[in-house]
Amino acid sequence: MIKKDAPSLDLAAQIVGEYLNSTAFKIERVLSGVSTYVYRIRLGEETLYLRVLPEQERSLGVEVHVHSLVRRMGVQVPEVIHFEHHNEVLGMSVMLVKEIPGSSVEDCISNGEYEDILYQAGQQIAVIHQVKVDGFGWIIRDQEQYGNSLRGEKKTLQDYICPYLEEDLFLLSQKVFSKVETSQITDIINSGMELMSGHEAHLVHGDFDDSHIFQQAGKYTGIIDFGEIQGSSPLYDLGHFKLHDGQRYYGFDSLAKRYDAVTSLSYYDLLEIDLWALWIGVRRLGMICGRTWGCYHEHLIKTVTMEMELLKNKLKL
């Protein structure tokens, strides 16, 4: 897979200028993007974002389709105003979206506001999870897939979960967890595999935490960044959120309460959410284990350990 370097500001400005038929804007690179290169465009009082997909043989088309689909379902996500499957200047796929007003809910000034916003986000993410996907894992973005189909890379959930688990636990057994702990995690995931595999594949955000939930003046405004979309259990995102909950505020209970009003959460659903939090935590630690140690590592270790103990009791292992 060929990944191209981020376009220069001049090239990005050229793409935006051709679409706007104007040069009366300011542009800057936003370094928070991971799956795509992101540029902020100031156009008077309006703010737009240019997103560029690094892999030249892939397309943002399925992401454009997801934005359009969930907006029709009433979910507040950025509106796509321009899309090119393959921009000739850059040799990459590009999309231009309107801004979701405000900033991340992380910036809330009070815990009460935070909980209220998470309550609203719970309804919205539950609606997103109603979209079915053909297969599991990363949504395929190949150039021939830029139409209206959503297809995962793997046929079964086991094909997606199992290869990563063994490799990640081997790595973590050398640096993070004891061999007894990694053995316990293996037993927990194996015991919970049937439960985790009980759903058909549905669309999940893939990186759902409070940094992607936006608010303005303490009011919910939307969900951003669908660069990590996957086909998975609809409870994957709740597990991901629970794993990351508490880095500043605690909002999972409010999120789950509103989610439950749309899609009822049983005891076994809540158990599955814990299983996903554990698996995603192990996956993330495996991915970042070799990076400079920081507070994110510590948070993941703390939450994975907590979920491991919780699940050992629930599963009676």
Foldseek 3Di string as FASTA:
>chain_A
DAFADDDDPVVVLVVVCVVVVDNQWDKDWDPPDDQWTWMWIGRPPWIKIKTWGRDLQFFCLQVLLLVVVLVVVVAQEWHWDDWDRADPVVSTTMTMTTDQPAAFLLPDPDLVLSQVLLLVVLQSLLSQQVAAAQAWAFFGGGSVPSDNHTYAPHRFVCVVQPVLLVLLLVVCCVPPDPPVLSVLLVVLCVLCVCLQRVDHWGKHLQQDERRQFGDDPSHTRHGYDSSRIITGNSLLNLLNHVLVAPPPHHHSVSSVVSNCVVPNQDPSSVLSSLNSVLSVLSSVCSVCVPPDDDVVNVSSSVSNVVSSVVSCVVVVD
